[in-house]
PDB file of N, CA and C in Angstrom:
ATOM      1  N   MET A   1      11.968  11.136   2.292  1.00  0.00           N
ATOM      2  CA  MET A   1      10.854  10.298   2.709  1.00  0.00           C
ATOM      3  C   MET A   1       9.798  10.274   1.606  1.00  0.00           C
ATOM      4  N   GLU A   2       9.178   9.116   1.416  1.00  0.00           N
ATOM      5  CA  GLU A   2       8.184   8.975   0.363  1.00  0.00           C
ATOM      6  C   GLU A   2       6.857   9.623   0.745  1.00  0.00           C
ATOM      7  N   THR A   3       6.119  10.025  -0.267  1.00  0.00           N
ATOM      8  CA  THR A   3       4.815  10.633  -0.070  1.00  0.00           C
ATOM      9  C   THR A   3       3.750   9.549  -0.077  1.00  0.00           C
ATOM     10  N   VAL A   4       2.889   9.569   0.913  1.00  0.00           N
ATOM     11  CA  VAL A   4       1.784   8.611   0.978  1.00  0.00           C
ATOM     12  C   VAL A   4       0.664   9.130   0.082  1.00  0.00           C
ATOM     13  N   LYS A   5       0.189   8.252  -0.799  1.00  0.00           N
ATOM     14  CA  LYS A   5      -0.892   8.591  -1.718  1.00  0.00           C
ATOM     15  C   LYS A   5      -2.133   7.793  -1.333  1.00  0.00           C
ATOM     16  N   LYS A   6      -3.261   8.180  -1.883  1.00  0.00           N
ATOM     17  CA  LYS A   6      -4.526   7.510  -1.580  1.00  0.00           C
ATOM     18  C   LYS A   6      -5.271   7.295  -2.894  1.00  0.00           C
ATOM     19  N   VAL A   7      -5.859   6.116  -3.037  1.00  0.00           N
ATOM     20  CA  VAL A   7      -6.660   5.812  -4.221  1.00  0.00           C
ATOM     21  C   VAL A   7      -8.017   5.280  -3.766  1.00  0.00           C
ATOM     22  N   ARG A   8      -9.074   5.706  -4.454  1.00  0.00           N
ATOM     23  CA  ARG A   8     -10.420   5.188  -4.172  1.00  0.00           C
ATOM     24  C   ARG A   8     -10.647   4.006  -5.111  1.00  0.00           C
ATOM     25  N   VAL A   9     -11.047   2.875  -4.545  1.00  0.00           N
ATOM     26  CA  VAL A   9     -11.273   1.668  -5.342  1.00  0.00           C
ATOM     27  C   VAL A   9     -12.760   1.506  -5.647  1.00  0.00           C
ATOM     28  N   LYS A  10     -13.085   0.529  -6.469  1.00  0.00           N
ATOM     29  CA  LYS A  10     -14.443   0.338  -6.967  1.00  0.00           C
ATOM     30  C   LYS A  10     -15.503   0.262  -5.868  1.00  0.00           C
ATOM     31  N   SER A  11     -15.155  -0.322  -4.727  1.00  0.00           N
ATOM     32  CA  SER A  11     -16.118  -0.459  -3.625  1.00  0.00           C
ATOM     33  C   SER A  11     -16.418   0.871  -2.948  1.00  0.00           C
ATOM     34  N   GLY A  12     -15.622   1.904  -3.255  1.00  0.00           N
ATOM     35  CA  GLY A  12     -15.793   3.207  -2.630  1.00  0.00           C
ATOM     36  C   GLY A  12     -14.847   3.426  -1.466  1.00  0.00           C
ATOM     37  N   SER A  13     -14.166   2.380  -1.031  1.00  0.00           N
ATOM     38  CA  SER A  13     -13.203   2.513   0.056  1.00  0.00           C
ATOM     39  C   SER A  13     -11.886   3.070  -0.498  1.00  0.00           C
ATOM     40  N   THR A  14     -10.969   3.412   0.391  1.00  0.00           N
ATOM     41  CA  THR A  14      -9.685   3.968  -0.037  1.00  0.00           C
ATOM     42  C   THR A  14      -8.523   3.103   0.435  1.00  0.00           C
ATOM     43  N   LEU A  15      -7.458   3.118  -0.343  1.00  0.00           N
ATOM     44  CA  LEU A  15      -6.215   2.443   0.012  1.00  0.00           C
ATOM     45  C   LEU A  15      -5.092   3.470   0.019  1.00  0.00           C
ATOM     46  N   ASN A  16      -4.273   3.452   1.055  1.00  0.00           N
ATOM     47  CA  ASN A  16      -3.072   4.278   1.098  1.00  0.00           C
ATOM     48  C   ASN A  16      -1.915   3.474   0.524  1.00  0.00           C
ATOM     49  N   TYR A  17      -0.997   4.164  -0.140  1.00  0.00           N
ATOM     50  CA  TYR A  17       0.159   3.481  -0.709  1.00  0.00           C
ATOM     51  C   TYR A  17       1.298   4.468  -0.931  1.00  0.00           C
ATOM     52  N   VAL A  18       2.489   3.930  -1.119  1.00  0.00           N
ATOM     53  CA  VAL A  18       3.631   4.731  -1.558  1.00  0.00           C
ATOM     54  C   VAL A  18       4.107   4.145  -2.874  1.00  0.00           C
ATOM     55  N   ASP A  19       4.625   4.996  -3.733  1.00  0.00           N
ATOM     56  CA  ASP A  19       5.106   4.604  -5.061  1.00  0.00           C
ATOM     57  C   ASP A  19       6.394   5.381  -5.296  1.00  0.00           C
ATOM     58  N   VAL A  20       7.533   4.698  -5.174  1.00  0.00           N
ATOM     59  CA  VAL A  20       8.831   5.368  -5.298  1.00  0.00           C
ATOM     60  C   VAL A  20       9.733   4.615  -6.272  1.00  0.00           C
ATOM     61  N   GLY A  21      10.695   5.330  -6.834  1.00  0.00           N
ATOM     62  CA  GLY A  21      11.663   4.724  -7.731  1.00  0.00           C
ATOM     63  C   GLY A  21      11.140   4.582  -9.147  1.00  0.00           C
ATOM     64  N   GLN A  22      11.984   4.004  -9.989  1.00  0.00           N
ATOM     65  CA  GLN A  22      11.654   3.794 -11.398  1.00  0.00           C
ATOM     66  C   GLN A  22      12.160   2.434 -11.836  1.00  0.00           C
ATOM     67  N   GLY A  23      11.546   1.918 -12.879  1.00  0.00           N
ATOM     68  CA  GLY A  23      11.990   0.642 -13.437  1.00  0.00           C
ATOM     69  C   GLY A  23      10.954  -0.443 -13.235  1.00  0.00           C
ATOM     70  N   VAL A  24      11.442  -1.668 -13.103  1.00  0.00           N
ATOM     71  CA  VAL A  24      10.574  -2.829 -12.926  1.00  0.00           C
ATOM     72  C   VAL A  24       9.808  -2.664 -11.616  1.00  0.00           C
ATOM     73  N   PRO A  25       8.470  -2.787 -11.649  1.00  0.00           N
ATOM     74  CA  PRO A  25       7.702  -2.611 -10.415  1.00  0.00           C
ATOM     75  C   PRO A  25       7.793  -3.812  -9.478  1.00  0.00           C
ATOM     76  N   ILE A  26       7.928  -3.512  -8.193  1.00  0.00           N
ATOM     77  CA  ILE A  26       7.871  -4.519  -7.133  1.00  0.00           C
ATOM     78  C   ILE A  26       6.753  -4.069  -6.204  1.00  0.00           C
ATOM     79  N   ILE A  27       5.757  -4.926  -6.011  1.00  0.00           N
ATOM     80  CA  ILE A  27       4.620  -4.594  -5.161  1.00  0.00           C
ATOM     81  C   ILE A  27       4.795  -5.305  -3.823  1.00  0.00           C
ATOM     82  N   LEU A  28       4.745  -4.528  -2.744  1.00  0.00           N
ATOM     83  CA  LEU A  28       4.932  -5.062  -1.401  1.00  0.00           C
ATOM     84  C   LEU A  28       3.589  -5.034  -0.667  1.00  0.00           C
ATOM     85  N   ILE A  29       3.138  -6.203  -0.192  1.00  0.00           N
ATOM     86  CA  ILE A  29       1.873  -6.322   0.519  1.00  0.00           C
ATOM     87  C   ILE A  29       2.161  -6.955   1.882  1.00  0.00           C
ATOM     88  N   HIS A  30       1.834  -6.242   2.939  1.00  0.00           N
ATOM     89  CA  HIS A  30       2.142  -6.680   4.294  1.00  0.00           C
ATOM     90  C   HIS A  30       1.184  -7.754   4.783  1.00  0.00           C
ATOM     91  N   GLY A  31       1.528  -8.333   5.919  1.00  0.00           N
ATOM     92  CA  GLY A  31       0.691  -9.339   6.560  1.00  0.00           C
ATOM     93  C   GLY A  31      -0.246  -8.724   7.586  1.00  0.00           C
ATOM     94  N   LEU A  32      -0.979  -9.578   8.275  1.00  0.00           N
ATOM     95  CA  LEU A  32      -1.962  -9.178   9.259  1.00  0.00           C
ATOM     96  C   LEU A  32      -1.321  -8.378  10.393  1.00  0.00           C
ATOM     97  N   PHE A  33      -1.991  -7.342  10.834  1.00  0.00           N
ATOM     98  CA  PHE A  33      -1.594  -6.463  11.940  1.00  0.00           C
ATOM     99  C   PHE A  33      -0.399  -5.558  11.616  1.00  0.00           C
ATOM    100  N   LEU A  34       0.004  -5.465  10.372  1.00  0.00           N
ATOM    101  CA  LEU A  34       1.100  -4.591   9.962  1.00  0.00           C
ATOM    102  C   LEU A  34       0.558  -3.518   9.031  1.00  0.00           C
ATOM    103  N   ASP A  35       1.449  -2.701   8.476  1.00  0.00           N
ATOM    104  CA  ASP A  35       1.094  -1.749   7.428  1.00  0.00           C
ATOM    105  C   ASP A  35       2.316  -1.553   6.540  1.00  0.00           C
ATOM    106  N   ARG A  36       2.218  -0.642   5.560  1.00  0.00           N
ATOM    107  CA  ARG A  36       3.292  -0.461   4.587  1.00  0.00           C
ATOM    108  C   ARG A  36       4.618  -0.064   5.223  1.00  0.00           C
ATOM    109  N   THR A  37       4.580   0.512   6.430  1.00  0.00           N
ATOM    110  CA  THR A  37       5.826   0.936   7.081  1.00  0.00           C
ATOM    111  C   THR A  37       6.705  -0.249   7.472  1.00  0.00           C
ATOM    112  N   ALA A  38       6.159  -1.455   7.464  1.00  0.00           N
ATOM    113  CA  ALA A  38       6.953  -2.653   7.746  1.00  0.00           C
ATOM    114  C   ALA A  38       8.042  -2.842   6.690  1.00  0.00           C
ATOM    115  N   PHE A  39       7.879  -2.201   5.528  1.00  0.00           N
ATOM    116  CA  PHE A  39       8.825  -2.336   4.418  1.00  0.00           C
ATOM    117  C   PHE A  39       9.782  -1.162   4.291  1.00  0.00           C
ATOM    118  N   LYS A  40       9.910  -0.364   5.340  1.00  0.00           N
ATOM    119  CA  LYS A  40      10.741   0.843   5.292  1.00  0.00           C
ATOM    120  C   LYS A  40      12.162   0.562   4.768  1.00  0.00           C
ATOM    121  N   GLN A  41      12.805  -0.463   5.290  1.00  0.00           N
ATOM    122  CA  GLN A  41      14.175  -0.780   4.880  1.00  0.00           C
ATOM    123  C   GLN A  41      14.236  -1.318   3.448  1.00  0.00           C
ATOM    124  N   GLN A  42      13.265  -2.116   3.051  1.00  0.00           N
ATOM    125  CA  GLN A  42      13.230  -2.643   1.686  1.00  0.00           C
ATOM    126  C   GLN A  42      13.007  -1.517   0.678  1.00  0.00           C
ATOM    127  N   ILE A  43      12.129  -0.584   1.018  1.00  0.00           N
ATOM    128  CA  ILE A  43      11.877   0.549   0.136  1.00  0.00           C
ATOM    129  C   ILE A  43      13.152   1.361  -0.046  1.00  0.00           C
ATOM    130  N   LYS A  44      13.833   1.621   1.046  1.00  0.00           N
ATOM    131  CA  LYS A  44      15.087   2.380   0.990  1.00  0.00           C
ATOM    132  C   LYS A  44      16.141   1.646   0.148  1.00  0.00           C
ATOM    133  N   ALA A  45      16.239   0.339   0.333  1.00  0.00           N
ATOM    134  CA  ALA A  45      17.258  -0.447  -0.359  1.00  0.00           C
ATOM    135  C   ALA A  45      17.009  -0.590  -1.861  1.00  0.00           C
ATOM    136  N   PHE A  46      15.758  -0.724  -2.278  1.00  0.00           N
ATOM    137  CA  PHE A  46      15.461  -1.041  -3.667  1.00  0.00           C
ATOM    138  C   PHE A  46      14.961   0.124  -4.520  1.00  0.00           C
ATOM    139  N   ALA A  47      14.625   1.254  -3.921  1.00  0.00           N
ATOM    140  CA  ALA A  47      14.060   2.376  -4.679  1.00  0.00           C
ATOM    141  C   ALA A  47      14.995   2.895  -5.765  1.00  0.00           C
ATOM    142  N   GLY A  48      16.286   2.727  -5.618  1.00  0.00           N
ATOM    143  CA  GLY A  48      17.232   3.167  -6.637  1.00  0.00           C
ATOM    144  C   GLY A  48      17.349   2.198  -7.803  1.00  0.00           C
ATOM    145  N   GLN A  49      16.778   1.003  -7.658  1.00  0.00           N
ATOM    146  CA  GLN A  49      16.914  -0.034  -8.678  1.00  0.00           C
ATOM    147  C   GLN A  49      15.594  -0.434  -9.331  1.00  0.00           C
ATOM    148  N   ALA A  50      14.473  -0.095  -8.695  1.00  0.00           N
ATOM    149  CA  ALA A  50      13.162  -0.531  -9.191  1.00  0.00           C
ATOM    150  C   ALA A  50      12.093   0.441  -8.728  1.00  0.00           C
ATOM    151  N   ARG A  51      10.905   0.263  -9.254  1.00  0.00           N
ATOM    152  CA  ARG A  51       9.743   1.026  -8.790  1.00  0.00           C
ATOM    153  C   ARG A  51       9.102   0.213  -7.674  1.00  0.00           C
ATOM    154  N   ILE A  52       9.012   0.780  -6.487  1.00  0.00           N
ATOM    155  CA  ILE A  52       8.476   0.086  -5.326  1.00  0.00           C
ATOM    156  C   ILE A  52       7.098   0.654  -4.995  1.00  0.00           C
ATOM    157  N   ILE A  53       6.104  -0.231  -4.937  1.00  0.00           N
ATOM    158  CA  ILE A  53       4.745   0.150  -4.569  1.00  0.00           C
ATOM    159  C   ILE A  53       4.399  -0.660  -3.322  1.00  0.00           C
ATOM    160  N   ALA A  54       4.151   0.045  -2.210  1.00  0.00           N
ATOM    161  CA  ALA A  54       3.793  -0.624  -0.951  1.00  0.00           C
ATOM    162  C   ALA A  54       2.436  -0.095  -0.505  1.00  0.00           C
ATOM    163  N   ILE A  55       1.497  -1.007  -0.272  1.00  0.00           N
ATOM    164  CA  ILE A  55       0.142  -0.585   0.073  1.00  0.00           C
ATOM    165  C   ILE A  55      -0.195  -0.926   1.520  1.00  0.00           C
ATOM    166  N   ASP A  56      -1.174  -0.205   2.059  1.00  0.00           N
ATOM    167  CA  ASP A  56      -1.835  -0.581   3.309  1.00  0.00           C
ATOM    168  C   ASP A  56      -3.098  -1.309   2.890  1.00  0.00           C
ATOM    169  N   ILE A  57      -3.215  -2.598   3.223  1.00  0.00           N
ATOM    170  CA  ILE A  57      -4.436  -3.314   2.864  1.00  0.00           C
ATOM    171  C   ILE A  57      -5.599  -2.766   3.688  1.00  0.00           C
ATOM    172  N   HIS A  58      -6.816  -3.068   3.284  1.00  0.00           N
ATOM    173  CA  HIS A  58      -8.014  -2.553   3.962  1.00  0.00           C
ATOM    174  C   HIS A  58      -7.959  -2.791   5.461  1.00  0.00           C
ATOM    175  N   GLY A  59      -8.272  -1.744   6.226  1.00  0.00           N
ATOM    176  CA  GLY A  59      -8.319  -1.847   7.679  1.00  0.00           C
ATOM    177  C   GLY A  59      -6.966  -1.754   8.357  1.00  0.00           C
ATOM    178  N   HIS A  60      -5.925  -1.456   7.614  1.00  0.00           N
ATOM    179  CA  HIS A  60      -4.578  -1.342   8.165  1.00  0.00           C
ATOM    180  C   HIS A  60      -3.980   0.000   7.761  1.00  0.00           C
ATOM    181  N   GLY A  61      -3.080   0.522   8.594  1.00  0.00           N
ATOM    182  CA  GLY A  61      -2.447   1.799   8.284  1.00  0.00           C
ATOM    183  C   GLY A  61      -3.494   2.862   8.029  1.00  0.00           C
ATOM    184  N   GLY A  62      -3.335   3.593   6.935  1.00  0.00           N
ATOM    185  CA  GLY A  62      -4.276   4.658   6.609  1.00  0.00           C
ATOM    186  C   GLY A  62      -5.398   4.253   5.683  1.00  0.00           C
ATOM    187  N   SER A  63      -5.478   2.987   5.314  1.00  0.00           N
ATOM    188  CA  SER A  63      -6.549   2.533   4.414  1.00  0.00           C
ATOM    189  C   SER A  63      -7.848   2.341   5.177  1.00  0.00           C
ATOM    190  N   SER A  64      -8.964   2.581   4.486  1.00  0.00           N
ATOM    191  CA  SER A  64     -10.265   2.438   5.145  1.00  0.00           C
ATOM    192  C   SER A  64     -10.629   0.967   5.348  1.00  0.00           C
ATOM    193  N   VAL A  65     -11.517   0.760   6.287  1.00  0.00           N
ATOM    194  CA  VAL A  65     -12.028  -0.578   6.546  1.00  0.00           C
ATOM    195  C   VAL A  65     -13.013  -0.927   5.448  1.00  0.00           C
ATOM    196  N   LEU A  66     -12.941  -2.128   4.949  1.00  0.00           N
ATOM    197  CA  LEU A  66     -13.844  -2.583   3.897  1.00  0.00           C
ATOM    198  C   LEU A  66     -15.186  -2.955   4.521  1.00  0.00           C
ATOM    199  N   SER A  67     -16.245  -2.365   4.032  1.00  0.00           N
ATOM    200  CA  SER A  67     -17.588  -2.666   4.555  1.00  0.00           C
ATOM    201  C   SER A  67     -18.032  -4.033   4.074  1.00  0.00           C
ATOM    202  N   PRO A  68     -18.686  -4.784   4.962  1.00  0.00           N
ATOM    203  CA  PRO A  68     -19.176  -6.105   4.541  1.00  0.00           C
ATOM    204  C   PRO A  68     -20.277  -5.947   3.494  1.00  0.00           C
ATOM    205  N   VAL A  69     -20.302  -6.873   2.555  1.00  0.00           N
ATOM    206  CA  VAL A  69     -21.326  -6.854   1.507  1.00  0.00           C
ATOM    207  C   VAL A  69     -22.413  -7.838   1.912  1.00  0.00           C
ATOM    208  N   VAL A  70     -23.630  -7.351   1.933  1.00  0.00           N
ATOM    209  CA  VAL A  70     -24.758  -8.217   2.315  1.00  0.00           C
ATOM    210  C   VAL A  70     -25.650  -8.377   1.098  1.00  0.00           C
ATOM    211  N   SER A  71     -25.845  -9.624   0.690  1.00  0.00           N
ATOM    212  CA  SER A  71     -26.731  -9.913  -0.439  1.00  0.00           C
ATOM    213  C   SER A  71     -27.877 -10.784   0.056  1.00  0.00           C
ATOM    214  N   LEU A  72     -29.065 -10.432  -0.348  1.00  0.00           N
ATOM    215  CA  LEU A  72     -30.237 -11.234   0.018  1.00  0.00           C
ATOM    216  C   LEU A  72     -30.921 -11.751  -1.202  1.00  0.00           C
TER     217      LEU A  72
END
C-alpha cells in the first residue's frame, strides 16, 4: 500500500497525495466529491510502468479546506 504524504502550499494550506512508481509521471486529479482513493485500481495497474502522483484537492480526502481570500 502506498504512503500518503502531505505538502504545505504557498497559501499555508496542505494537500495530501501519494507518489508511487518510477518513470514518466502521471498526475491523477479527482472530480468533485471524490478523493485520491478513486484511483486505487489505476495506481495499482500503472505503478510498475510510470510514476503515479494522485492528490486530494482542497477540501477533499485529507487535504485542508482552502480559506477564502478577501481583498478590500
